[in-house]
Amino acid sequence: MLAAYLATFAEHFFPLMLWLGLGSRFAALGLAVMTLTIQLFVYPDAWVTHGLWMSSLLVLVLQGPGRLSLDHLIRARQG
């Protein structure tokens, strides 16, 4: 039951974080873990779709959100 609530929260909250560019690497990593879990245990034949999602999410995890994000604005004001 707890896993269902956490997954529902993550499915709604993490994309919002990505859209705002706030905590983008954390949100992308969380969505990547969810995508991998769904791929392995729920829809094992949907590897094309999940592969596209994973590649996009891993780019965000490795490179960050970019200049048009709240993460960048916050970091620029601090340093």
N, C-alpha and C. Protein backbone atom coordinates (compact mmCIF):
# COMPACT_ATOMS: atom_id res chain seq x y z
N MET A 1 0.82 -1.19 0.00
CA MET A 1 0.00 0.00 0.00
C MET A 1 0.87 1.26 0.00
N LEU A 2 1.92 1.25 0.81
CA LEU A 2 2.81 2.40 0.88
C LEU A 2 3.49 2.64 -0.47
N ALA A 3 3.91 1.56 -1.12
CA ALA A 3 4.57 1.70 -2.44
C ALA A 3 3.64 2.34 -3.45
N ALA A 4 2.37 2.01 -3.40
CA ALA A 4 1.40 2.59 -4.34
C ALA A 4 1.26 4.10 -4.09
N TYR A 5 1.20 4.50 -2.85
CA TYR A 5 1.10 5.93 -2.54
C TYR A 5 2.37 6.68 -2.95
N LEU A 6 3.53 6.09 -2.67
CA LEU A 6 4.78 6.73 -3.04
C LEU A 6 4.93 6.84 -4.56
N ALA A 7 4.56 5.80 -5.28
CA ALA A 7 4.64 5.83 -6.74
C ALA A 7 3.69 6.88 -7.32
N THR A 8 2.50 6.96 -6.77
CA THR A 8 1.54 7.96 -7.25
C THR A 8 2.05 9.37 -6.99
N PHE A 9 2.59 9.59 -5.81
CA PHE A 9 3.16 10.89 -5.49
C PHE A 9 4.31 11.23 -6.44
N ALA A 10 5.21 10.27 -6.63
CA ALA A 10 6.37 10.49 -7.49
C ALA A 10 5.96 10.75 -8.94
N GLU A 11 4.96 10.04 -9.42
CA GLU A 11 4.51 10.20 -10.80
C GLU A 11 3.93 11.59 -11.06
N HIS A 12 3.41 12.22 -10.03
CA HIS A 12 2.83 13.55 -10.19
C HIS A 12 3.82 14.66 -9.82
N PHE A 13 4.62 14.43 -8.80
CA PHE A 13 5.50 15.47 -8.28
C PHE A 13 6.79 15.61 -9.08
N PHE A 14 7.42 14.50 -9.47
CA PHE A 14 8.69 14.57 -10.18
C PHE A 14 8.58 15.25 -11.55
N PRO A 15 7.55 14.97 -12.35
CA PRO A 15 7.43 15.72 -13.62
C PRO A 15 7.24 17.22 -13.39
N LEU A 16 6.53 17.58 -12.35
CA LEU A 16 6.37 19.00 -12.02
C LEU A 16 7.71 19.63 -11.67
N MET A 17 8.52 18.90 -10.91
CA MET A 17 9.86 19.38 -10.58
C MET A 17 10.70 19.55 -11.85
N LEU A 18 10.59 18.61 -12.79
CA LEU A 18 11.33 18.73 -14.05
C LEU A 18 10.85 19.93 -14.85
N TRP A 19 9.56 20.13 -14.89
CA TRP A 19 9.00 21.25 -15.64
C TRP A 19 9.49 22.58 -15.09
N LEU A 20 9.58 22.67 -13.78
CA LEU A 20 10.06 23.90 -13.14
C LEU A 20 11.58 24.01 -13.17
N GLY A 21 12.24 22.89 -13.35
CA GLY A 21 13.70 22.91 -13.30
C GLY A 21 14.20 23.04 -11.88
N LEU A 22 13.48 22.48 -10.94
CA LEU A 22 13.83 22.55 -9.52
C LEU A 22 14.12 21.15 -9.01
N GLY A 23 15.35 20.91 -8.60
CA GLY A 23 15.73 19.56 -8.18
C GLY A 23 15.68 18.59 -9.35
N SER A 24 16.09 19.06 -10.50
CA SER A 24 15.91 18.31 -11.75
C SER A 24 16.66 16.98 -11.76
N ARG A 25 17.88 16.98 -11.29
CA ARG A 25 18.64 15.73 -11.30
C ARG A 25 18.00 14.69 -10.39
N PHE A 26 17.56 15.12 -9.22
CA PHE A 26 16.89 14.22 -8.29
C PHE A 26 15.59 13.68 -8.90
N ALA A 27 14.80 14.57 -9.50
CA ALA A 27 13.53 14.17 -10.09
C ALA A 27 13.75 13.22 -11.26
N ALA A 28 14.73 13.52 -12.10
CA ALA A 28 15.02 12.65 -13.25
C ALA A 28 15.51 11.28 -12.78
N LEU A 29 16.31 11.25 -11.74
CA LEU A 29 16.77 9.98 -11.21
C LEU A 29 15.61 9.17 -10.63
N GLY A 30 14.72 9.84 -9.91
CA GLY A 30 13.53 9.16 -9.38
C GLY A 30 12.65 8.59 -10.47
N LEU A 31 12.43 9.36 -11.53
CA LEU A 31 11.63 8.87 -12.64
C LEU A 31 12.34 7.74 -13.38
N ALA A 32 13.67 7.80 -13.46
CA ALA A 32 14.42 6.73 -14.10
C ALA A 32 14.28 5.42 -13.33
N VAL A 33 14.33 5.51 -12.01
CA VAL A 33 14.15 4.31 -11.18
C VAL A 33 12.74 3.76 -11.35
N MET A 34 11.76 4.64 -11.38
CA MET A 34 10.37 4.19 -11.61
C MET A 34 10.23 3.54 -12.98
N THR A 35 10.82 4.14 -14.00
CA THR A 35 10.73 3.60 -15.35
C THR A 35 11.38 2.22 -15.42
N LEU A 36 12.54 2.08 -14.80
CA LEU A 36 13.22 0.78 -14.79
C LEU A 36 12.39 -0.27 -14.06
N THR A 37 11.79 0.11 -12.96
CA THR A 37 10.95 -0.82 -12.20
C THR A 37 9.75 -1.26 -13.02
N ILE A 38 9.11 -0.31 -13.67
CA ILE A 38 7.95 -0.63 -14.51
C ILE A 38 8.37 -1.52 -15.67
N GLN A 39 9.52 -1.23 -16.26
CA GLN A 39 10.02 -2.03 -17.37
C GLN A 39 10.26 -3.48 -16.94
N LEU A 40 10.87 -3.64 -15.79
CA LEU A 40 11.24 -4.99 -15.35
C LEU A 40 10.06 -5.80 -14.84
N PHE A 41 9.13 -5.16 -14.15
CA PHE A 41 8.10 -5.93 -13.45
C PHE A 41 6.69 -5.80 -14.01
N VAL A 42 6.40 -4.77 -14.80
CA VAL A 42 5.03 -4.54 -15.24
C VAL A 42 4.89 -4.72 -16.75
N TYR A 43 5.68 -4.02 -17.53
CA TYR A 43 5.59 -4.08 -18.99
C TYR A 43 6.93 -4.45 -19.60
N PRO A 44 7.36 -5.71 -19.50
CA PRO A 44 8.68 -6.09 -20.00
C PRO A 44 8.83 -5.99 -21.52
N ASP A 45 7.74 -5.93 -22.26
CA ASP A 45 7.83 -5.82 -23.72
C ASP A 45 7.85 -4.38 -24.21
N ALA A 46 7.78 -3.42 -23.33
CA ALA A 46 7.73 -2.01 -23.73
C ALA A 46 9.12 -1.37 -23.66
N TRP A 47 10.14 -2.12 -24.03
CA TRP A 47 11.51 -1.62 -23.88
C TRP A 47 11.82 -0.46 -24.80
N VAL A 48 11.16 -0.35 -25.94
CA VAL A 48 11.42 0.78 -26.85
C VAL A 48 10.99 2.09 -26.19
N THR A 49 9.77 2.11 -25.71
CA THR A 49 9.25 3.31 -25.06
C THR A 49 10.06 3.65 -23.82
N HIS A 50 10.29 2.67 -22.97
CA HIS A 50 11.03 2.94 -21.74
C HIS A 50 12.49 3.28 -22.02
N GLY A 51 13.04 2.74 -23.09
CA GLY A 51 14.41 3.09 -23.47
C GLY A 51 14.53 4.55 -23.86
N LEU A 52 13.54 5.05 -24.59
CA LEU A 52 13.53 6.47 -24.94
C LEU A 52 13.41 7.36 -23.70
N TRP A 53 12.52 6.96 -22.80
CA TRP A 53 12.37 7.73 -21.56
C TRP A 53 13.66 7.71 -20.75
N MET A 54 14.25 6.53 -20.62
CA MET A 54 15.47 6.40 -19.81
C MET A 54 16.61 7.23 -20.40
N SER A 55 16.75 7.22 -21.71
CA SER A 55 17.84 8.00 -22.31
C SER A 55 17.64 9.50 -22.05
N SER A 56 16.41 9.97 -22.15
CA SER A 56 16.13 11.38 -21.87
C SER A 56 16.39 11.71 -20.40
N LEU A 57 15.96 10.84 -19.52
CA LEU A 57 16.15 11.09 -18.09
C LEU A 57 17.62 11.03 -17.70
N LEU A 58 18.37 10.11 -18.30
CA LEU A 58 19.78 10.01 -17.97
C LEU A 58 20.57 11.22 -18.46
N VAL A 59 20.15 11.82 -19.57
CA VAL A 59 20.78 13.07 -20.01
C VAL A 59 20.58 14.15 -18.95
N LEU A 60 19.37 14.24 -18.41
CA LEU A 60 19.11 15.23 -17.35
C LEU A 60 19.92 14.94 -16.09
N VAL A 61 20.04 13.68 -15.73
CA VAL A 61 20.81 13.32 -14.53
C VAL A 61 22.27 13.69 -14.73
N LEU A 62 22.83 13.39 -15.89
CA LEU A 62 24.25 13.61 -16.11
C LEU A 62 24.61 15.05 -16.44
N GLN A 63 23.77 15.75 -17.19
CA GLN A 63 24.11 17.10 -17.62
C GLN A 63 23.40 18.21 -16.86
N GLY A 64 22.36 17.90 -16.17
CA GLY A 64 21.62 18.92 -15.44
C GLY A 64 20.55 19.57 -16.31
N PRO A 65 19.78 20.47 -15.74
CA PRO A 65 18.61 21.01 -16.41
C PRO A 65 18.88 22.12 -17.43
N GLY A 66 19.98 22.83 -17.34
CA GLY A 66 20.25 23.91 -18.29
C GLY A 66 19.98 25.28 -17.70
N ARG A 67 20.12 26.29 -18.55
CA ARG A 67 20.06 27.69 -18.09
C ARG A 67 18.65 28.18 -17.79
N LEU A 68 17.65 27.58 -18.39
CA LEU A 68 16.27 28.05 -18.17
C LEU A 68 15.60 27.24 -17.07
N SER A 69 16.26 27.11 -15.94
CA SER A 69 15.71 26.32 -14.84
C SER A 69 15.87 27.08 -13.53
N LEU A 70 15.06 26.73 -12.58
CA LEU A 70 15.20 27.34 -11.24
C LEU A 70 16.49 26.90 -10.58
N ASP A 71 16.95 25.67 -10.86
CA ASP A 71 18.24 25.22 -10.33
C ASP A 71 19.35 26.15 -10.75
N HIS A 72 19.38 26.52 -12.01
CA HIS A 72 20.43 27.41 -12.52
C HIS A 72 20.31 28.80 -11.89
N LEU A 73 19.09 29.30 -11.77
CA LEU A 73 18.87 30.62 -11.18
C LEU A 73 19.32 30.64 -9.71
N ILE A 74 18.99 29.61 -8.98
CA ILE A 74 19.38 29.53 -7.56
C ILE A 74 20.91 29.45 -7.44
N ARG A 75 21.52 28.62 -8.27
CA ARG A 75 22.97 28.46 -8.22
C ARG A 75 23.67 29.77 -8.61
N ALA A 76 23.13 30.50 -9.56
CA ALA A 76 23.74 31.76 -9.97
C ALA A 76 23.66 32.81 -8.88
N ARG A 77 22.60 32.82 -8.11
CA ARG A 77 22.45 33.80 -7.03
C ARG A 77 23.35 33.47 -5.84
N GLN A 78 23.65 32.17 -5.64
CA GLN A 78 24.49 31.77 -4.51
C GLN A 78 25.96 32.04 -4.77
N GLY A 79 26.37 31.93 -6.01
CA GLY A 79 27.81 32.00 -6.27
C GLY A 79 28.19 33.14 -7.07
